[in-house]
């Protein structure tokens, strides 16, 4: 009798795991994904309507910052993203972002940025923008999220590859990377 009971327990445990996996997949596919998937970790929400970034760890707010977004014609995409990588220093150019390679174009730039947290393979980052004195009040980037240097360093140090970042209310929908 004991061997049969052990087999039944193993079978019930396997069924319970399967049911849990199916339930998680259903919740993720119904739009509850970011909060649930990040419930055991880091989830950051960046709201263009309020120019605020809220960073959470296990459901608890650990940081809030003011943020800047993409200017008209270069709106930051809204969506749910995962941190793809981090670089302490990155050189960003309008040419590599497929904006312009002409130094005569007003949207031309070559910038060295610090504490860059990559959200998309096409070049959307959260990064320090010490030149942007309108952070929290106006949008002036070419699509990235701007923070002041101190806040960006804190976010950079806290972030891990795979963390969830939700950007909302930018006026531009993008395909999410989760």
N, C-alpha and C. Protein backbone atom coordinates (compact mmCIF):
# COMPACT_ATOMS: atom_id res chain seq x y z
N UNK A 1 0.81 -1.20 0.00
CA UNK A 1 0.00 0.00 0.00
C UNK A 1 0.86 1.27 0.00
N UNK A 2 1.96 1.26 0.73
CA UNK A 2 2.83 2.43 0.80
C UNK A 2 3.34 2.85 -0.58
N UNK A 3 3.83 1.92 -1.43
CA UNK A 3 4.31 2.34 -2.74
C UNK A 3 3.23 3.02 -3.58
N UNK A 4 2.01 2.55 -3.49
CA UNK A 4 0.94 3.17 -4.26
C UNK A 4 0.66 4.58 -3.74
N UNK A 5 0.69 4.77 -2.41
CA UNK A 5 0.45 6.09 -1.82
C UNK A 5 1.54 7.07 -2.28
N UNK A 6 2.79 6.62 -2.31
CA UNK A 6 3.89 7.47 -2.75
C UNK A 6 3.69 7.86 -4.21
N UNK A 7 3.27 6.89 -5.05
CA UNK A 7 3.02 7.19 -6.45
C UNK A 7 1.88 8.18 -6.61
N UNK A 8 0.84 8.06 -5.79
CA UNK A 8 -0.29 8.98 -5.84
C UNK A 8 0.15 10.39 -5.45
N UNK A 9 0.99 10.50 -4.40
CA UNK A 9 1.48 11.83 -3.96
C UNK A 9 2.31 12.48 -5.06
N UNK A 10 3.18 11.71 -5.67
CA UNK A 10 4.01 12.24 -6.75
C UNK A 10 3.13 12.70 -7.90
N UNK A 11 2.13 11.90 -8.24
CA UNK A 11 1.21 12.25 -9.32
C UNK A 11 0.44 13.54 -8.98
N UNK A 12 -0.06 13.66 -7.75
CA UNK A 12 -0.79 14.86 -7.32
C UNK A 12 0.11 16.09 -7.34
N UNK A 13 1.37 15.94 -6.91
CA UNK A 13 2.31 17.05 -6.92
C UNK A 13 2.57 17.49 -8.36
N UNK A 14 2.72 16.54 -9.28
CA UNK A 14 2.92 16.87 -10.69
C UNK A 14 1.71 17.61 -11.27
N UNK A 15 0.52 17.17 -10.91
CA UNK A 15 -0.70 17.84 -11.37
C UNK A 15 -0.76 19.26 -10.82
N UNK A 16 -0.43 19.43 -9.54
CA UNK A 16 -0.45 20.76 -8.93
C UNK A 16 0.54 21.69 -9.63
N UNK A 17 1.72 21.20 -9.97
CA UNK A 17 2.70 22.03 -10.69
C UNK A 17 2.19 22.42 -12.07
N UNK A 18 1.58 21.47 -12.76
CA UNK A 18 1.03 21.74 -14.08
C UNK A 18 -0.08 22.79 -14.00
N UNK A 19 -0.98 22.64 -13.04
CA UNK A 19 -2.07 23.61 -12.87
C UNK A 19 -1.48 24.99 -12.58
N UNK A 20 -0.47 25.07 -11.72
CA UNK A 20 0.17 26.35 -11.41
C UNK A 20 0.80 26.98 -12.64
N UNK A 21 1.47 26.18 -13.45
CA UNK A 21 2.10 26.69 -14.67
C UNK A 21 1.06 27.19 -15.66
N UNK A 22 -0.03 26.46 -15.81
CA UNK A 22 -1.10 26.87 -16.72
C UNK A 22 -1.74 28.17 -16.22
N UNK A 23 -1.97 28.28 -14.92
CA UNK A 23 -2.56 29.50 -14.35
C UNK A 23 -1.65 30.70 -14.57
N UNK A 24 -0.35 30.53 -14.35
CA UNK A 24 0.60 31.61 -14.57
C UNK A 24 0.60 32.03 -16.05
N UNK A 25 0.62 31.07 -16.94
CA UNK A 25 0.59 31.39 -18.37
C UNK A 25 -0.68 32.14 -18.74
N UNK A 26 -1.80 31.76 -18.16
CA UNK A 26 -3.07 32.44 -18.45
C UNK A 26 -3.03 33.88 -17.96
N UNK A 27 -2.54 34.10 -16.76
CA UNK A 27 -2.47 35.46 -16.21
C UNK A 27 -1.54 36.32 -17.05
N UNK A 28 -0.38 35.78 -17.42
CA UNK A 28 0.56 36.54 -18.24
C UNK A 28 -0.04 36.91 -19.58
N UNK A 29 -0.78 36.01 -20.19
CA UNK A 29 -1.35 36.29 -21.50
C UNK A 29 -2.55 37.22 -21.43
N UNK A 30 -3.14 37.39 -20.27
CA UNK A 30 -4.30 38.28 -20.11
C UNK A 30 -3.93 39.68 -19.66
N UNK A 31 -2.64 39.99 -19.62
CA UNK A 31 -2.23 41.36 -19.29
C UNK A 31 -1.85 41.56 -17.84
N UNK A 32 -1.90 40.56 -17.02
CA UNK A 32 -1.47 40.70 -15.64
C UNK A 32 0.00 40.40 -15.50
N UNK A 33 0.66 40.20 -16.62
CA UNK A 33 2.03 39.75 -16.62
C UNK A 33 3.04 40.57 -15.87
N UNK A 34 3.22 41.86 -16.17
CA UNK A 34 4.31 42.60 -15.56
C UNK A 34 4.26 42.59 -14.04
N UNK A 35 3.11 42.87 -13.46
CA UNK A 35 3.04 42.92 -12.00
C UNK A 35 3.28 41.55 -11.40
N UNK A 36 2.69 40.53 -11.99
CA UNK A 36 2.85 39.19 -11.44
C UNK A 36 4.26 38.68 -11.67
N UNK A 37 4.75 38.84 -12.89
CA UNK A 37 6.08 38.33 -13.20
C UNK A 37 7.14 39.03 -12.37
N UNK A 38 6.93 40.29 -12.04
CA UNK A 38 7.91 41.02 -11.27
C UNK A 38 7.63 41.03 -9.78
N UNK A 39 6.57 40.34 -9.35
CA UNK A 39 6.19 40.37 -7.95
C UNK A 39 7.32 39.88 -7.05
N UNK A 40 8.19 39.04 -7.55
CA UNK A 40 9.31 38.56 -6.77
C UNK A 40 10.56 39.35 -7.02
N UNK A 41 10.47 40.52 -7.64
CA UNK A 41 11.68 41.26 -7.98
C UNK A 41 11.43 42.73 -8.24
N UNK A 42 12.16 43.22 -9.21
CA UNK A 42 12.16 44.65 -9.52
C UNK A 42 11.17 44.97 -10.65
N UNK A 43 10.31 45.94 -10.40
CA UNK A 43 9.41 46.46 -11.43
C UNK A 43 9.47 47.98 -11.34
N UNK A 44 9.77 48.63 -12.45
CA UNK A 44 9.80 50.09 -12.49
C UNK A 44 8.71 50.57 -13.43
N UNK A 45 7.99 51.61 -13.01
CA UNK A 45 6.96 52.21 -13.84
C UNK A 45 7.36 53.65 -14.09
N UNK A 46 7.38 54.03 -15.37
CA UNK A 46 7.75 55.38 -15.76
C UNK A 46 6.55 55.98 -16.48
N UNK A 47 5.98 57.04 -15.92
CA UNK A 47 4.73 57.62 -16.41
C UNK A 47 4.99 58.99 -17.03
N UNK A 48 4.81 59.09 -18.33
CA UNK A 48 5.04 60.36 -19.03
C UNK A 48 4.01 61.41 -18.65
N UNK A 49 2.82 61.00 -18.22
CA UNK A 49 1.79 61.97 -17.83
C UNK A 49 2.19 62.73 -16.57
N UNK A 50 2.91 62.07 -15.67
CA UNK A 50 3.32 62.71 -14.41
C UNK A 50 4.80 63.01 -14.37
N UNK A 51 5.54 62.56 -15.38
CA UNK A 51 7.00 62.69 -15.41
C UNK A 51 7.64 62.07 -14.17
N UNK A 52 7.09 60.92 -13.75
CA UNK A 52 7.59 60.24 -12.55
C UNK A 52 7.99 58.81 -12.87
N UNK A 53 9.03 58.37 -12.21
CA UNK A 53 9.48 56.98 -12.28
C UNK A 53 9.38 56.42 -10.87
N UNK A 54 8.73 55.27 -10.75
CA UNK A 54 8.60 54.59 -9.47
C UNK A 54 9.28 53.23 -9.59
N UNK A 55 10.23 52.97 -8.71
CA UNK A 55 10.99 51.73 -8.73
C UNK A 55 10.56 50.90 -7.52
N UNK A 56 10.15 49.66 -7.81
CA UNK A 56 9.66 48.78 -6.74
C UNK A 56 10.51 47.52 -6.63
N UNK A 57 10.61 47.03 -5.42
CA UNK A 57 11.30 45.79 -5.13
C UNK A 57 10.36 44.92 -4.31
N UNK A 58 9.96 43.79 -4.89
CA UNK A 58 9.02 42.89 -4.22
C UNK A 58 7.75 43.61 -3.78
N UNK A 59 7.23 44.50 -4.64
CA UNK A 59 5.97 45.19 -4.36
C UNK A 59 6.10 46.41 -3.48
N UNK A 60 7.29 46.74 -3.04
CA UNK A 60 7.52 47.89 -2.16
C UNK A 60 8.26 48.99 -2.92
N UNK A 61 7.76 50.23 -2.85
CA UNK A 61 8.43 51.34 -3.52
C UNK A 61 9.75 51.63 -2.81
N UNK A 62 10.84 51.62 -3.59
CA UNK A 62 12.16 51.87 -3.02
C UNK A 62 12.79 53.16 -3.55
N UNK A 63 12.30 53.68 -4.68
CA UNK A 63 12.82 54.91 -5.26
C UNK A 63 11.75 55.57 -6.11
N UNK A 64 11.76 56.89 -6.12
CA UNK A 64 10.95 57.65 -7.08
C UNK A 64 11.81 58.78 -7.62
N UNK A 65 11.65 59.04 -8.91
CA UNK A 65 12.45 60.06 -9.59
C UNK A 65 11.58 60.87 -10.53
N UNK A 66 12.04 62.06 -10.88
CA UNK A 66 11.43 62.79 -11.99
C UNK A 66 12.12 62.30 -13.26
N UNK A 67 11.38 62.33 -14.37
CA UNK A 67 11.90 61.78 -15.62
C UNK A 67 11.52 62.68 -16.79
N UNK A 68 12.31 62.59 -17.85
CA UNK A 68 12.03 63.25 -19.11
C UNK A 68 11.89 62.21 -20.21
N UNK A 69 11.18 62.56 -21.27
CA UNK A 69 10.86 61.61 -22.33
C UNK A 69 11.16 62.22 -23.69
N UNK A 70 10.79 61.47 -24.75
CA UNK A 70 11.04 61.89 -26.11
C UNK A 70 10.17 63.07 -26.52
N UNK A 71 10.79 63.99 -27.24
CA UNK A 71 10.09 65.18 -27.73
C UNK A 71 9.20 64.80 -28.92
N UNK A 72 8.32 65.71 -29.33
CA UNK A 72 7.47 65.42 -30.50
C UNK A 72 8.30 64.98 -31.70
N UNK A 73 7.84 63.93 -32.35
CA UNK A 73 8.57 63.35 -33.47
C UNK A 73 9.52 62.25 -33.04
N UNK A 74 9.81 62.20 -31.75
CA UNK A 74 10.74 61.20 -31.21
C UNK A 74 10.18 60.63 -29.89
N UNK A 75 8.88 60.46 -29.82
CA UNK A 75 8.24 60.03 -28.58
C UNK A 75 8.82 58.70 -28.08
N UNK A 76 9.01 58.63 -26.79
CA UNK A 76 9.44 57.39 -26.14
C UNK A 76 8.30 56.38 -26.29
N UNK A 77 8.62 55.14 -26.64
CA UNK A 77 7.54 54.16 -26.78
C UNK A 77 6.96 53.74 -25.43
N UNK A 78 5.64 53.60 -25.38
CA UNK A 78 4.99 53.02 -24.21
C UNK A 78 5.01 51.51 -24.37
N UNK A 79 5.06 50.80 -23.27
CA UNK A 79 5.02 49.35 -23.31
C UNK A 79 5.67 48.75 -22.09
N UNK A 80 5.74 47.45 -22.08
CA UNK A 80 6.39 46.72 -21.01
C UNK A 80 7.67 46.13 -21.57
N UNK A 81 8.77 46.46 -20.93
CA UNK A 81 10.09 46.07 -21.42
C UNK A 81 10.85 45.32 -20.32
N UNK A 82 11.89 44.66 -20.73
CA UNK A 82 12.82 44.04 -19.79
C UNK A 82 14.18 44.70 -19.98
N UNK A 83 14.91 44.87 -18.89
CA UNK A 83 16.26 45.41 -18.99
C UNK A 83 17.10 44.42 -19.78
N UNK A 84 17.65 44.89 -20.90
CA UNK A 84 18.44 44.04 -21.78
C UNK A 84 19.93 44.08 -21.45
N UNK A 85 20.36 45.19 -20.83
CA UNK A 85 21.78 45.33 -20.51
C UNK A 85 22.03 46.65 -19.82
N UNK A 86 23.24 46.81 -19.33
CA UNK A 86 23.65 48.01 -18.63
C UNK A 86 25.07 48.37 -19.03
N UNK A 87 25.32 49.67 -19.23
CA UNK A 87 26.66 50.15 -19.53
C UNK A 87 26.91 51.42 -18.73
N UNK A 88 28.05 51.47 -18.05
CA UNK A 88 28.40 52.64 -17.26
C UNK A 88 28.63 53.86 -18.16
N UNK A 89 29.16 53.63 -19.35
CA UNK A 89 29.41 54.70 -20.31
C UNK A 89 29.08 54.19 -21.71
N UNK A 90 28.32 55.00 -22.45
CA UNK A 90 27.95 54.66 -23.83
C UNK A 90 28.05 55.92 -24.68
N UNK A 91 28.58 55.77 -25.89
CA UNK A 91 28.53 56.87 -26.85
C UNK A 91 27.31 56.64 -27.73
N UNK A 92 26.40 57.61 -27.71
CA UNK A 92 25.18 57.53 -28.52
C UNK A 92 25.28 58.56 -29.64
N UNK A 93 24.87 58.13 -30.84
CA UNK A 93 24.88 59.05 -31.97
C UNK A 93 23.55 59.00 -32.70
N UNK A 94 23.22 60.11 -33.32
CA UNK A 94 22.00 60.15 -34.11
C UNK A 94 22.12 59.25 -35.34
N UNK A 95 23.32 59.02 -35.78
CA UNK A 95 23.54 58.14 -36.93
C UNK A 95 23.23 56.69 -36.54
N UNK A 96 23.75 56.24 -35.39
CA UNK A 96 23.49 54.86 -34.98
C UNK A 96 22.04 54.64 -34.59
N UNK A 97 21.33 55.72 -34.24
CA UNK A 97 19.91 55.62 -33.90
C UNK A 97 19.02 55.76 -35.15
N UNK A 98 19.65 55.84 -36.32
CA UNK A 98 18.93 55.99 -37.59
C UNK A 98 18.09 57.26 -37.64
N UNK A 99 18.60 58.32 -37.02
CA UNK A 99 17.90 59.62 -37.06
C UNK A 99 18.50 60.48 -38.17
N UNK A 100 19.80 60.74 -38.07
CA UNK A 100 20.52 61.47 -39.12
C UNK A 100 22.02 61.28 -38.92
N UNK A 101 22.73 61.29 -40.03
CA UNK A 101 24.19 61.22 -39.97
C UNK A 101 24.81 62.54 -40.39
N UNK A 102 23.96 63.51 -40.66
CA UNK A 102 24.43 64.82 -41.12
C UNK A 102 24.62 65.79 -39.95
N UNK A 103 25.84 66.26 -39.75
CA UNK A 103 26.08 67.24 -38.68
C UNK A 103 25.31 68.55 -38.87
N UNK A 104 24.81 68.79 -40.06
CA UNK A 104 24.03 70.02 -40.32
C UNK A 104 22.58 69.89 -39.86
N UNK A 105 22.12 68.67 -39.64
CA UNK A 105 20.74 68.44 -39.21
C UNK A 105 20.60 68.82 -37.74
N UNK A 106 19.54 69.55 -37.37
CA UNK A 106 19.37 69.96 -35.96
C UNK A 106 19.19 68.78 -34.99
N UNK A 107 18.85 67.60 -35.51
CA UNK A 107 18.70 66.42 -34.66
C UNK A 107 19.96 65.56 -34.59
N UNK A 108 21.05 66.06 -35.15
CA UNK A 108 22.32 65.36 -35.09
C UNK A 108 22.90 65.46 -33.68
N UNK A 109 23.45 64.36 -33.20
CA UNK A 109 24.14 64.39 -31.91
C UNK A 109 25.17 63.27 -31.82
N UNK A 110 26.17 63.53 -31.01
CA UNK A 110 27.14 62.54 -30.56
C UNK A 110 27.30 62.83 -29.07
N UNK A 111 26.82 61.91 -28.24
CA UNK A 111 26.82 62.13 -26.79
C UNK A 111 27.46 60.95 -26.07
N UNK A 112 28.22 61.27 -25.05
CA UNK A 112 28.70 60.25 -24.13
C UNK A 112 27.77 60.29 -22.93
N UNK A 113 27.07 59.19 -22.67
CA UNK A 113 26.11 59.16 -21.56
C UNK A 113 26.58 58.15 -20.52
N UNK A 114 26.18 58.42 -19.29
CA UNK A 114 26.55 57.55 -18.18
C UNK A 114 25.34 56.83 -17.63
N UNK A 115 25.59 55.67 -17.07
CA UNK A 115 24.60 54.86 -16.35
C UNK A 115 23.42 54.51 -17.26
N UNK A 116 23.73 53.95 -18.41
CA UNK A 116 22.73 53.62 -19.43
C UNK A 116 22.15 52.23 -19.19
N UNK A 117 20.84 52.17 -19.02
CA UNK A 117 20.12 50.92 -18.85
C UNK A 117 19.31 50.70 -20.12
N UNK A 118 19.67 49.67 -20.90
CA UNK A 118 19.06 49.42 -22.21
C UNK A 118 17.72 48.70 -22.06
N UNK A 119 16.70 49.27 -22.76
CA UNK A 119 15.37 48.67 -22.75
C UNK A 119 14.98 48.03 -24.07
N UNK A 120 15.56 48.50 -25.18
CA UNK A 120 15.23 47.92 -26.50
C UNK A 120 16.50 47.75 -27.31
N UNK A 121 16.43 46.83 -28.25
CA UNK A 121 17.57 46.63 -29.14
C UNK A 121 17.72 47.79 -30.12
N UNK A 122 16.65 48.56 -30.31
CA UNK A 122 16.72 49.71 -31.22
C UNK A 122 17.30 50.95 -30.56
N UNK A 123 17.58 50.90 -29.26
CA UNK A 123 18.30 52.01 -28.64
C UNK A 123 17.53 52.86 -27.65
N UNK A 124 16.47 52.36 -27.06
CA UNK A 124 15.80 53.12 -26.00
C UNK A 124 16.47 52.74 -24.68
N UNK A 125 16.95 53.77 -23.98
CA UNK A 125 17.64 53.59 -22.71
C UNK A 125 17.01 54.48 -21.65
N UNK A 126 17.25 54.15 -20.39
CA UNK A 126 17.11 55.08 -19.28
C UNK A 126 18.55 55.48 -18.99
N UNK A 127 18.84 56.79 -19.05
CA UNK A 127 20.24 57.21 -18.84
C UNK A 127 20.32 58.60 -18.24
N UNK A 128 21.50 58.92 -17.73
CA UNK A 128 21.76 60.25 -17.17
C UNK A 128 21.77 61.27 -18.30
N UNK A 129 21.20 62.43 -18.03
CA UNK A 129 21.18 63.52 -19.01
C UNK A 129 21.45 64.84 -18.28
N UNK A 130 22.70 65.07 -17.86
CA UNK A 130 23.00 66.28 -17.08
C UNK A 130 22.78 67.58 -17.86
N UNK A 131 22.71 67.51 -19.18
CA UNK A 131 22.45 68.68 -20.01
C UNK A 131 20.97 69.05 -20.07
N UNK A 132 20.10 68.12 -19.67
CA UNK A 132 18.65 68.32 -19.78
C UNK A 132 18.12 68.95 -18.49
N UNK A 133 17.94 70.25 -18.52
CA UNK A 133 17.47 70.99 -17.34
C UNK A 133 15.95 71.03 -17.24
N UNK A 134 15.27 70.34 -18.14
CA UNK A 134 13.80 70.32 -18.12
C UNK A 134 13.25 68.97 -17.64
N UNK A 135 14.11 68.10 -17.10
CA UNK A 135 13.65 66.79 -16.63
C UNK A 135 12.54 67.00 -15.61
N UNK A 136 11.44 66.31 -15.84
CA UNK A 136 10.29 66.42 -14.95
C UNK A 136 9.29 67.48 -15.37
N UNK A 137 9.66 68.31 -16.34
CA UNK A 137 8.77 69.40 -16.78
C UNK A 137 8.47 69.36 -18.27
N UNK A 138 9.44 68.94 -19.07
CA UNK A 138 9.26 68.95 -20.53
C UNK A 138 10.03 67.77 -21.12
N UNK A 139 9.67 67.41 -22.33
CA UNK A 139 10.29 66.27 -23.01
C UNK A 139 11.23 66.77 -24.10
N UNK A 140 12.48 66.31 -24.04
CA UNK A 140 13.46 66.83 -24.99
C UNK A 140 14.38 65.77 -25.58
N UNK A 141 14.17 64.50 -25.25
CA UNK A 141 15.08 63.47 -25.75
C UNK A 141 14.68 63.02 -27.16
N UNK A 142 15.50 62.17 -27.72
CA UNK A 142 15.21 61.55 -29.01
C UNK A 142 14.59 60.17 -28.82
N UNK A 143 13.96 59.94 -27.66
CA UNK A 143 13.24 58.69 -27.40
C UNK A 143 13.65 58.00 -26.11
N UNK A 144 14.79 58.37 -25.56
CA UNK A 144 15.23 57.76 -24.30
C UNK A 144 14.51 58.39 -23.11
N UNK A 145 14.65 57.75 -21.96
CA UNK A 145 14.15 58.31 -20.71
C UNK A 145 15.33 58.98 -20.02
N UNK A 146 15.18 60.27 -19.73
CA UNK A 146 16.23 61.03 -19.06
C UNK A 146 15.97 61.11 -17.57
N UNK A 147 17.02 60.91 -16.78
CA UNK A 147 17.00 61.15 -15.34
C UNK A 147 18.21 62.01 -15.00
N UNK A 148 18.18 62.65 -13.82
CA UNK A 148 19.39 63.36 -13.43
C UNK A 148 20.46 62.33 -13.08
N UNK A 149 21.70 62.76 -13.03
CA UNK A 149 22.82 61.82 -12.88
C UNK A 149 22.74 61.02 -11.58
N UNK A 150 22.45 61.66 -10.46
CA UNK A 150 22.38 60.95 -9.17
C UNK A 150 21.31 59.88 -9.19
N UNK A 151 20.11 60.22 -9.69
CA UNK A 151 19.02 59.25 -9.75
C UNK A 151 19.34 58.11 -10.71
N UNK A 152 19.94 58.44 -11.84
CA UNK A 152 20.27 57.41 -12.82
C UNK A 152 21.27 56.42 -12.23
N UNK A 153 22.25 56.93 -11.51
CA UNK A 153 23.25 56.04 -10.90
C UNK A 153 22.58 55.09 -9.91
N UNK A 154 21.65 55.57 -9.12
CA UNK A 154 20.93 54.71 -8.17
C UNK A 154 20.14 53.64 -8.91
N UNK A 155 19.42 54.06 -9.99
CA UNK A 155 18.64 53.10 -10.78
C UNK A 155 19.56 52.08 -11.44
N UNK A 156 20.66 52.54 -12.00
CA UNK A 156 21.64 51.66 -12.66
C UNK A 156 22.17 50.61 -11.68
N UNK A 157 22.57 51.05 -10.50
CA UNK A 157 23.11 50.12 -9.50
C UNK A 157 22.06 49.10 -9.03
N UNK A 158 20.80 49.52 -8.97
CA UNK A 158 19.71 48.67 -8.49
C UNK A 158 19.26 47.67 -9.56
N UNK A 159 19.30 48.08 -10.82
CA UNK A 159 18.74 47.28 -11.92
C UNK A 159 19.54 46.02 -12.19
N UNK A 160 18.79 45.01 -12.66
CA UNK A 160 19.38 43.75 -13.09
C UNK A 160 18.83 43.42 -14.47
N UNK A 161 19.63 42.76 -15.27
CA UNK A 161 19.15 42.30 -16.57
C UNK A 161 17.93 41.42 -16.32
N UNK A 162 16.87 41.68 -17.08
CA UNK A 162 15.62 40.93 -16.94
C UNK A 162 14.57 41.65 -16.12
N UNK A 163 14.95 42.71 -15.39
CA UNK A 163 13.96 43.49 -14.62
C UNK A 163 12.90 44.05 -15.56
N UNK A 164 11.72 44.25 -15.03
CA UNK A 164 10.60 44.79 -15.80
C UNK A 164 10.57 46.31 -15.68
N UNK A 165 10.40 46.98 -16.82
CA UNK A 165 10.23 48.43 -16.87
C UNK A 165 8.99 48.71 -17.70
N UNK A 166 8.02 49.37 -17.09
CA UNK A 166 6.77 49.72 -17.76
C UNK A 166 6.80 51.22 -18.05
N UNK A 167 6.67 51.57 -19.32
CA UNK A 167 6.60 52.98 -19.71
C UNK A 167 5.19 53.22 -20.21
N UNK A 168 4.54 54.27 -19.69
CA UNK A 168 3.15 54.50 -20.08
C UNK A 168 2.87 55.98 -20.32
N UNK A 169 1.78 56.21 -21.05
CA UNK A 169 1.25 57.55 -21.33
C UNK A 169 2.17 58.43 -22.16
N UNK A 170 2.94 57.83 -23.08
CA UNK A 170 3.84 58.63 -23.92
C UNK A 170 3.17 59.07 -25.22
N UNK A 171 2.06 58.43 -25.57
CA UNK A 171 1.42 58.74 -26.84
C UNK A 171 1.95 57.92 -27.99
N UNK A 172 2.88 57.00 -27.73
CA UNK A 172 3.42 56.13 -28.78
C UNK A 172 3.45 54.70 -28.27
N UNK A 173 2.70 53.84 -28.94
CA UNK A 173 2.70 52.42 -28.57
C UNK A 173 3.87 51.72 -29.23
N UNK A 174 4.44 50.79 -28.53
CA UNK A 174 5.50 49.98 -29.09
C UNK A 174 5.25 48.54 -28.73
N UNK A 175 5.88 47.67 -29.46
CA UNK A 175 5.80 46.26 -29.12
C UNK A 175 6.58 46.05 -27.85
N UNK A 176 6.00 45.39 -26.88
CA UNK A 176 6.68 45.14 -25.63
C UNK A 176 7.70 44.03 -25.80
N UNK A 177 8.73 44.07 -24.95
CA UNK A 177 9.80 43.08 -25.06
C UNK A 177 9.65 41.95 -24.06
N UNK A 178 8.54 41.89 -23.31
CA UNK A 178 8.39 40.80 -22.35
C UNK A 178 7.70 39.61 -22.97
